[in-house]
Amino acid sequence: MNNKQLKALADSVIESISKIIVGKEDVIRKLFICLICGGHVLLEDVPGTGKTLLAKTLSRSLDLQFSRVQFTPDLLPTDITGIHYYNQKQGDFVFRKGPVFTNILLADEINRATPRTQSSLLECMEEKQVSIDGKTYILNPPFMVIATQNPVETLGTFPLPEAQLDRFLMKLYMGYPRTEEGIEIMKRFRFENPLPHITPVACEKDFEGVSEIFKNTFVSEDMYSYIIQIVEATRRHADVLLGASPRASQALLKTSQVLSAINGRDYVTPDDVKEMAIPVLAHRIVARHSGNEIGKPVTHSILEQIIQRVHVPTEESLKEKSGV
């Protein structure tokens, strides 16, 4: 797959999902970027903003296998990964696969399950495999976890620790629709749910060779330096207790490359990095003082300050070095 093919695929997927999800093209695009990168997404917002519907629409638009698990305090790890049970007809133990054996796994309200159950996702998210009773099962690509959580309810929830948050490539927010978008939503869903009428615009084969995107998208030395300066600045910021990890810098690089490709370019620009910085880094840093500032997490404000302070390479020099 080359960059032009990826751009065409991205445009068709975004157009398909936008037939159901109103006014969230930016969130849809970032969700698609995570899928290309082989990463996972944490969707956080108040109930009724379309988090679950977005995940379902993505799977229908791509003709991929989809599984949904409602996380509750009594959910067991084996309810996700699977279990060996004794088959009387065969006279032996047989493995029954859990919902994790899919392409897109929706972990609905992930913070309602106990830490033990939450941890059952760590191996499959990082290594794309599941180990049960001494045997390892490989998950077929593409594999993506879309986890949702409600930020306004804390009773009966178990907050995700930093190590688990670091497994998510991005943390996205749906947000309330604007007035005209709210009107359009009511019109679309007035008579019936239009989701069953969505037809796939791509299949599993369309994602073959997706790793070529990272080879075809040029990254100059200036851009490597720019990314690492942003990441290191999170570790030195006075309001940050825990800065972004090396995994975060790799994630920022990959997402910037894919964003460049779906925008029709074969080289990464500072604007690509700036657009990806907050969704990729904000949930990976721990601020000394938690809370929100003017309706947004304090980590967003910290990253905005860092982006303004770090020296930006000129796009002209990037073009010259990439041979454009």
Protein backbone atom coordinates (compact mmCIF):
# COMPACT_ATOMS: atom_id res chain seq x y z
CA MET A 1 0.00 0.00 0.00
CA ASN A 2 1.30 3.45 -0.90
CA ASN A 3 0.33 6.84 0.50
CA LYS A 4 -2.12 7.63 -2.31
CA GLN A 5 -3.98 4.37 -1.74
CA LEU A 6 -4.15 5.05 1.99
CA LYS A 7 -5.53 8.55 1.39
CA ALA A 8 -8.24 7.13 -0.86
CA LEU A 9 -9.09 4.48 1.75
CA ALA A 10 -9.20 7.07 4.54
CA ASP A 11 -11.46 9.38 2.54
CA SER A 12 -13.94 6.60 1.80
CA VAL A 13 -14.00 5.37 5.42
CA ILE A 14 -14.46 8.87 6.86
CA GLU A 15 -17.26 9.56 4.36
CA SER A 16 -18.99 6.29 5.26
CA ILE A 17 -18.82 6.83 9.03
CA SER A 18 -19.95 10.45 8.64
CA LYS A 19 -23.25 9.14 7.26
CA ILE A 20 -24.03 8.01 10.82
CA ILE A 21 -21.83 10.15 13.09
CA VAL A 22 -22.55 13.86 12.62
CA GLY A 23 -19.85 16.54 12.81
CA LYS A 24 -17.02 14.40 14.21
CA GLU A 25 -14.75 14.08 11.16
CA ASP A 26 -11.69 14.96 13.23
CA VAL A 27 -12.37 12.19 15.77
CA ILE A 28 -13.13 9.72 12.97
CA ARG A 29 -9.87 10.56 11.22
CA LYS A 30 -7.85 10.04 14.40
CA LEU A 31 -9.65 6.76 15.05
CA PHE A 32 -8.70 5.58 11.55
CA ILE A 33 -5.09 6.64 12.16
CA CYS A 34 -5.00 4.45 15.28
CA LEU A 35 -6.25 1.48 13.27
CA ILE A 36 -3.52 1.95 10.64
CA CYS A 37 -0.88 2.28 13.35
CA GLY A 38 -2.09 -0.89 15.06
CA GLY A 39 -2.90 1.13 18.17
CA HIS A 40 -5.80 1.40 20.58
CA VAL A 41 -8.14 4.22 21.56
CA LEU A 42 -9.63 5.38 24.84
CA LEU A 43 -12.87 7.31 24.24
CA GLU A 44 -13.90 9.41 27.22
CA ASP A 45 -17.02 11.51 27.39
CA VAL A 46 -20.41 11.81 29.04
CA PRO A 47 -23.16 9.28 28.19
CA GLY A 48 -25.09 9.66 24.96
CA THR A 49 -22.40 11.36 22.86
CA GLY A 50 -22.01 8.43 20.44
CA LYS A 51 -18.93 6.57 21.69
CA THR A 52 -20.38 3.08 21.23
CA LEU A 53 -22.10 4.04 17.98
CA LEU A 54 -18.79 5.31 16.57
CA ALA A 55 -17.05 1.99 17.27
CA LYS A 56 -19.90 0.00 15.71
CA THR A 57 -19.99 2.21 12.62
CA LEU A 58 -16.24 1.84 12.12
CA SER A 59 -16.48 -1.95 12.14
CA ARG A 60 -19.43 -1.96 9.70
CA SER A 61 -17.70 0.43 7.33
CA LEU A 62 -14.62 -1.80 7.20
CA ASP A 63 -16.32 -5.21 7.10
CA LEU A 64 -14.24 -6.37 10.07
CA GLN A 65 -15.14 -8.68 12.93
CA PHE A 66 -16.56 -6.77 15.88
CA SER A 67 -17.06 -7.75 19.52
CA ARG A 68 -18.53 -5.74 22.36
CA VAL A 69 -17.95 -6.44 26.05
CA GLN A 70 -19.84 -4.54 28.74
CA PHE A 71 -17.37 -4.17 31.60
CA THR A 72 -18.87 -4.68 35.05
CA PRO A 73 -17.38 -5.37 38.50
CA ASP A 74 -18.24 -9.09 38.24
CA LEU A 75 -16.63 -9.56 34.81
CA LEU A 76 -13.83 -12.17 34.86
CA PRO A 77 -10.64 -12.21 32.76
CA THR A 78 -11.78 -15.46 31.12
CA ASP A 79 -14.97 -13.70 30.00
CA ILE A 80 -12.70 -11.69 27.70
CA THR A 81 -9.87 -14.02 26.71
CA GLY A 82 -11.66 -17.37 26.67
CA ILE A 83 -11.58 -20.56 28.69
CA HIS A 84 -10.73 -24.26 28.48
CA TYR A 85 -13.74 -26.45 29.22
CA TYR A 86 -14.15 -30.21 29.36
CA ASN A 87 -15.95 -31.57 26.29
CA GLN A 88 -17.60 -34.85 27.28
CA LYS A 89 -18.04 -35.98 23.65
CA GLN A 90 -14.35 -35.55 22.86
CA GLY A 91 -13.20 -36.61 26.31
CA ASP A 92 -10.72 -33.73 26.47
CA PHE A 93 -10.43 -30.06 27.32
CA VAL A 94 -11.33 -27.69 24.48
CA PHE A 95 -10.53 -23.99 24.20
CA ARG A 96 -13.49 -21.68 23.70
CA LYS A 97 -12.30 -18.34 22.33
CA GLY A 98 -13.41 -15.17 24.07
CA PRO A 99 -14.56 -11.92 22.45
CA VAL A 100 -10.96 -10.68 22.27
CA PHE A 101 -10.49 -12.87 19.17
CA THR A 102 -11.80 -10.26 16.77
CA ASN A 103 -10.63 -7.27 14.74
CA ILE A 104 -12.28 -4.46 16.71
CA LEU A 105 -13.03 -5.00 20.40
CA LEU A 106 -15.26 -2.49 22.14
CA ALA A 107 -14.50 -2.47 25.86
CA ASP A 108 -17.54 -0.49 27.00
CA GLU A 109 -17.08 1.37 30.30
CA ILE A 110 -13.71 -0.26 30.89
CA ASN A 111 -13.21 1.46 34.25
CA ARG A 112 -16.17 -0.41 35.77
CA ALA A 113 -14.26 -3.71 35.79
CA THR A 114 -11.78 -4.69 38.48
CA PRO A 115 -8.02 -4.17 37.92
CA ARG A 116 -7.60 -7.94 37.51
CA THR A 117 -10.04 -7.98 34.61
CA GLN A 118 -8.61 -4.80 33.09
CA SER A 119 -5.13 -6.35 33.14
CA SER A 120 -6.33 -9.24 30.97
CA LEU A 121 -6.28 -6.79 28.06
CA LEU A 122 -2.66 -5.70 28.53
CA GLU A 123 -1.01 -8.63 26.73
CA CYS A 124 -3.37 -8.59 23.77
CA MET A 125 -3.03 -4.81 23.40
CA GLU A 126 0.77 -4.80 23.48
CA GLU A 127 1.82 -8.16 22.00
CA LYS A 128 -1.34 -8.89 19.95
CA GLN A 129 -1.56 -12.33 21.55
CA VAL A 130 -3.32 -14.15 24.39
CA SER A 131 -1.65 -16.63 26.77
CA ILE A 132 -3.97 -19.11 28.50
CA ASP A 133 -2.94 -22.21 30.46
CA GLY A 134 0.59 -22.13 29.08
CA LYS A 135 -0.45 -21.79 25.44
CA THR A 136 -0.19 -18.65 23.33
CA TYR A 137 -2.78 -17.69 20.71
CA ILE A 138 -1.96 -15.04 18.10
CA LEU A 139 -4.61 -12.42 17.30
CA ASN A 140 -5.24 -11.87 13.60
CA PRO A 141 -4.51 -8.36 12.31
CA PRO A 142 -5.87 -5.79 12.21
CA PHE A 143 -6.63 -5.77 15.93
CA MET A 144 -7.84 -2.73 17.81
CA VAL A 145 -9.30 -2.07 21.25
CA ILE A 146 -11.71 0.84 21.57
CA ALA A 147 -12.35 1.41 25.26
CA THR A 148 -14.90 3.87 26.60
CA GLN A 149 -15.29 5.42 30.00
CA ASN A 150 -17.61 7.92 31.64
CA PRO A 151 -15.74 10.77 33.40
CA VAL A 152 -18.68 12.02 35.48
CA GLU A 153 -19.42 8.83 37.45
CA THR A 154 -16.83 7.56 39.93
CA LEU A 155 -18.98 5.32 42.17
CA GLY A 156 -18.17 1.67 41.50
CA THR A 157 -15.33 2.43 39.09
CA PHE A 158 -11.64 1.51 39.06
CA PRO A 159 -9.44 4.22 37.49
CA LEU A 160 -6.97 3.02 34.87
CA PRO A 161 -3.36 3.19 36.15
CA GLU A 162 -0.70 5.09 34.22
CA ALA A 163 0.92 1.89 32.91
CA GLN A 164 -2.38 0.84 31.37
CA LEU A 165 -3.12 4.29 29.95
CA ASP A 166 0.25 4.18 28.21
CA ARG A 167 -1.00 1.19 26.17
CA PHE A 168 -3.56 3.40 24.45
CA LEU A 169 -2.22 5.15 21.38
CA MET A 170 -4.71 8.01 21.73
CA LYS A 171 -7.29 9.34 24.12
CA LEU A 172 -10.16 11.06 22.30
CA TYR A 173 -13.20 13.06 23.34
CA MET A 174 -16.49 13.11 21.41
CA GLY A 175 -17.83 16.38 22.79
CA TYR A 176 -21.33 17.79 22.51
CA PRO A 177 -22.61 18.57 19.00
CA ARG A 178 -23.20 22.12 17.81
CA THR A 179 -26.80 23.33 17.38
CA GLU A 180 -27.04 22.50 13.68
CA GLU A 181 -25.37 19.12 14.28
CA GLY A 182 -27.88 18.30 17.03
CA ILE A 183 -30.73 19.04 14.63
CA GLU A 184 -29.19 16.80 11.97
CA ILE A 185 -28.79 13.95 14.50
CA MET A 186 -32.49 14.11 15.37
CA LYS A 187 -33.44 14.03 11.69
CA ARG A 188 -31.20 11.03 10.90
CA PHE A 189 -32.48 8.95 13.79
CA ARG A 190 -36.09 10.13 13.71
CA PHE A 191 -37.59 6.97 12.19
CA GLU A 192 -34.92 4.28 12.63
CA ASN A 193 -31.27 3.65 13.32
CA PRO A 194 -29.44 4.05 9.96
CA LEU A 195 -26.50 1.90 11.10
CA PRO A 196 -27.84 -1.42 9.63
CA HIS A 197 -27.94 0.22 6.21
CA ILE A 198 -24.20 1.01 6.17
CA THR A 199 -22.32 -1.03 3.55
CA PRO A 200 -18.60 -1.80 3.89
CA VAL A 201 -16.17 0.33 1.90
CA ALA A 202 -13.11 -1.79 2.71
CA CYS A 203 -12.18 -5.25 3.94
CA GLU A 204 -9.33 -6.97 5.76
CA LYS A 205 -7.30 -7.39 2.56
CA ASP A 206 -7.20 -3.62 2.06
CA PHE A 207 -4.97 -3.36 5.12
CA GLU A 208 -2.30 -5.69 3.78
CA GLY A 209 1.06 -3.97 3.37
CA VAL A 210 0.03 -1.11 5.65
CA SER A 211 3.53 -1.14 7.19
CA GLU A 212 4.81 0.28 3.89
CA ILE A 213 3.24 3.59 4.88
CA PHE A 214 5.90 4.10 7.51
CA LYS A 215 8.63 3.34 4.98
CA ASN A 216 7.18 5.61 2.29
CA THR A 217 6.65 8.64 4.54
CA PHE A 218 9.89 10.58 4.92
CA VAL A 219 11.00 11.91 8.31
CA SER A 220 13.82 14.45 8.34
CA GLU A 221 16.40 14.75 11.11
CA ASP A 222 14.79 18.07 12.05
CA MET A 223 11.46 16.30 12.62
CA TYR A 224 13.05 13.59 14.77
CA SER A 225 14.59 16.36 16.87
CA TYR A 226 11.30 18.29 17.00
CA ILE A 227 9.37 15.28 18.30
CA ILE A 228 11.92 14.38 20.94
CA GLN A 229 12.12 17.99 22.15
CA ILE A 230 8.35 18.02 22.73
CA VAL A 231 8.47 14.71 24.60
CA GLU A 232 11.45 15.74 26.73
CA ALA A 233 9.78 19.06 27.55
CA THR A 234 6.95 17.14 29.23
CA ARG A 235 9.51 15.65 31.60
CA ARG A 236 10.96 19.04 32.57
CA HIS A 237 7.74 21.05 32.85
CA ALA A 238 7.19 22.48 36.33
CA ASP A 239 3.54 21.34 36.42
CA VAL A 240 4.26 17.76 35.34
CA LEU A 241 4.91 15.00 37.85
CA LEU A 242 5.47 12.21 35.31
CA GLY A 243 6.49 12.97 31.72
CA ALA A 244 5.92 11.07 28.48
CA SER A 245 7.79 7.79 27.93
CA PRO A 246 9.92 6.65 24.96
CA ARG A 247 6.85 4.69 23.81
CA ALA A 248 5.09 8.05 23.57
CA SER A 249 7.70 9.47 21.20
CA GLN A 250 7.38 6.41 18.95
CA ALA A 251 3.59 6.81 18.99
CA LEU A 252 3.84 10.49 18.08
CA LEU A 253 6.14 9.68 15.17
CA LYS A 254 3.92 6.91 13.77
CA THR A 255 0.68 8.85 14.03
CA SER A 256 2.32 11.89 12.39
CA GLN A 257 3.46 9.72 9.48
CA VAL A 258 -0.02 8.29 8.92
CA LEU A 259 -1.63 11.72 9.23
CA SER A 260 0.80 13.00 6.59
CA ALA A 261 -0.09 10.09 4.29
CA ILE A 262 -3.88 10.54 4.52
CA ASN A 263 -3.35 14.26 3.84
CA GLY A 264 -1.68 13.36 0.55
CA ARG A 265 1.97 13.99 1.49
CA ASP A 266 5.01 11.71 1.68
CA TYR A 267 6.89 13.68 4.33
CA VAL A 268 6.07 14.70 7.93
CA THR A 269 5.58 18.36 8.79
CA PRO A 270 5.49 20.19 12.15
CA ASP A 271 1.73 20.67 11.71
CA ASP A 272 1.30 16.87 11.64
CA VAL A 273 3.16 16.58 14.94
CA LYS A 274 1.23 19.46 16.51
CA GLU A 275 -2.12 17.91 15.57
CA MET A 276 -1.17 14.53 17.03
CA ALA A 277 0.62 15.81 20.15
CA ILE A 278 -2.38 16.26 22.46
CA PRO A 279 -4.36 13.07 21.64
CA VAL A 280 -1.15 11.00 21.80
CA LEU A 281 0.63 12.59 24.79
CA ALA A 282 -1.99 14.17 27.09
CA HIS A 283 -3.08 10.90 28.76
CA ARG A 284 0.53 9.75 29.15
CA ILE A 285 1.66 12.56 31.44
CA VAL A 286 0.65 13.14 35.06
CA ALA A 287 0.11 16.72 36.16
CA ARG A 288 0.96 17.84 39.68
CA HIS A 289 -2.52 19.29 40.02
CA SER A 290 -5.43 17.39 38.47
CA GLY A 291 -8.60 18.95 37.17
CA ASN A 292 -9.86 20.93 34.21
CA GLU A 293 -9.09 24.38 32.92
CA ILE A 294 -11.85 26.10 30.95
CA GLY A 295 -13.55 22.82 30.08
CA LYS A 296 -10.44 20.83 29.14
CA PRO A 297 -7.94 18.65 31.05
CA VAL A 298 -4.99 20.50 32.55
CA THR A 299 -2.61 18.25 30.57
CA HIS A 300 -3.99 19.75 27.35
CA SER A 301 -3.04 23.24 28.53
CA ILE A 302 0.43 22.02 29.48
CA LEU A 303 1.01 20.54 26.03
CA GLU A 304 -0.26 23.69 24.33
CA GLN A 305 2.34 25.66 26.29
CA ILE A 306 5.08 23.21 25.30
CA ILE A 307 4.15 23.31 21.61
CA GLN A 308 4.32 27.11 21.65
CA ARG A 309 7.77 27.09 23.26
CA VAL A 310 9.56 24.40 21.23
CA HIS A 311 11.36 25.69 18.12
CA VAL A 312 9.54 24.67 14.93
CA PRO A 313 11.51 23.50 11.84
CA THR A 314 10.62 25.27 8.59
CA GLU A 315 8.58 23.27 6.09
CA GLU A 316 10.78 24.49 3.22
CA SER A 317 13.81 22.72 4.67
CA LEU A 318 11.74 19.54 5.15
CA LYS A 319 10.71 19.57 1.50
CA GLU A 320 14.27 20.06 0.33
CA LYS A 321 15.61 17.22 2.44
CA SER A 322 12.80 14.87 1.36
CA GLY A 323 13.41 15.61 -2.30
CA VAL A 324 9.92 17.07 -2.83
